[in-house]
């Protein structure tokens, strides 16, 4: 099921049959999304929700998607999901 909100950069996501990009990265300059290889190491944002959403931007280390998710889980959250323009 497609997400109701998206912020893809022009030409994204790529729709190539040989493209194996299963993850999404956000450009810090404009907030636009691009498809990305999950094993590519990037800075990341964790999110956890109690009564309000709390975010933690991790720029001290770059991790691939599975390792970033593990790091976020240790913090008590998960990799951030953007569901609206306000988020």
Protein backbone atom coordinates (compact mmCIF):
# COMPACT_ATOMS: atom_id res chain seq x y z
CA UNK A 1 0.00 0.00 0.00
CA UNK A 2 1.52 3.35 -1.01
CA UNK A 3 2.04 5.99 1.65
CA UNK A 4 -0.37 8.91 1.65
CA UNK A 5 2.48 11.45 2.06
CA UNK A 6 5.72 11.53 0.11
CA UNK A 7 8.41 14.06 -0.69
CA UNK A 8 10.35 12.41 -3.54
CA UNK A 9 13.02 14.36 -5.39
CA UNK A 10 12.55 14.73 -9.14
CA UNK A 11 13.20 11.40 -10.89
CA UNK A 12 12.69 9.43 -7.67
CA UNK A 13 11.98 6.75 -6.85
CA UNK A 14 13.78 5.08 -9.70
CA UNK A 15 11.63 2.51 -11.43
CA UNK A 16 14.35 0.37 -12.96
CA UNK A 17 14.00 -3.39 -12.95
CA UNK A 18 17.69 -3.71 -12.07
CA UNK A 19 17.46 -1.17 -9.23
CA UNK A 20 17.62 -2.89 -5.85
CA UNK A 21 17.23 0.24 -3.73
CA UNK A 22 14.87 -0.75 -0.94
CA UNK A 23 15.52 2.13 1.48
CA UNK A 24 14.96 5.89 1.41
CA UNK A 25 17.36 8.71 2.26
CA UNK A 26 16.45 12.35 2.87
CA UNK A 27 18.59 15.21 1.60
CA UNK A 28 19.45 17.51 4.52
CA UNK A 29 19.43 20.61 2.29
CA UNK A 30 15.89 20.37 0.91
CA UNK A 31 14.23 17.44 2.68
CA UNK A 32 13.61 15.61 -0.60
CA UNK A 33 13.72 11.81 -0.65
CA UNK A 34 15.65 9.45 -2.88
CA UNK A 35 15.72 5.68 -3.06
CA UNK A 36 18.85 4.24 -1.57
CA UNK A 37 20.67 0.97 -1.07
CA UNK A 38 20.03 -0.31 2.45
CA UNK A 39 23.69 -1.21 2.94
CA UNK A 40 24.87 2.36 2.25
CA UNK A 41 26.03 4.05 5.46
CA UNK A 42 24.27 7.30 6.32
CA UNK A 43 23.52 9.58 9.26
CA UNK A 44 20.09 8.73 10.65
CA UNK A 45 17.17 9.90 12.78
CA UNK A 46 15.57 7.80 15.50
CA UNK A 47 12.01 8.31 16.69
CA UNK A 48 10.20 7.13 19.79
CA UNK A 49 6.72 7.98 20.92
CA UNK A 50 5.33 8.20 24.41
CA UNK A 51 2.79 11.00 24.72
CA UNK A 52 4.61 12.98 22.00
CA UNK A 53 7.07 11.98 19.32
CA UNK A 54 10.71 12.45 20.28
CA UNK A 55 13.50 12.46 17.71
CA UNK A 56 17.25 11.90 17.95
CA UNK A 57 19.49 12.90 15.04
CA UNK A 58 22.63 10.77 14.93
CA UNK A 59 25.42 12.47 13.02
CA UNK A 60 28.31 11.09 15.05
CA UNK A 61 28.34 7.80 13.15
CA UNK A 62 27.09 6.57 9.80
CA UNK A 63 25.37 3.19 9.74
CA UNK A 64 23.56 1.07 7.18
CA UNK A 65 19.80 0.63 7.58
CA UNK A 66 19.82 -2.59 9.67
CA UNK A 67 22.51 -1.27 12.04
CA UNK A 68 20.82 2.13 12.33
CA UNK A 69 17.55 0.37 13.22
CA UNK A 70 19.39 -1.64 15.92
CA UNK A 71 20.88 1.58 17.31
CA UNK A 72 17.45 3.22 17.44
CA UNK A 73 15.97 0.18 19.20
CA UNK A 74 18.66 0.41 21.89
CA UNK A 75 17.44 3.98 22.46
CA UNK A 76 13.87 2.66 22.76
CA UNK A 77 12.62 3.72 19.34
CA UNK A 78 12.95 2.98 15.64
CA UNK A 79 14.15 4.72 12.50
CA UNK A 80 12.00 7.78 11.94
CA UNK A 81 8.99 7.53 9.64
CA UNK A 82 7.75 10.72 8.00
CA UNK A 83 4.00 10.67 7.51
CA UNK A 84 3.23 14.37 6.94
CA UNK A 85 4.85 17.64 5.86
CA UNK A 86 4.82 18.87 9.47
CA UNK A 87 6.90 15.90 10.63
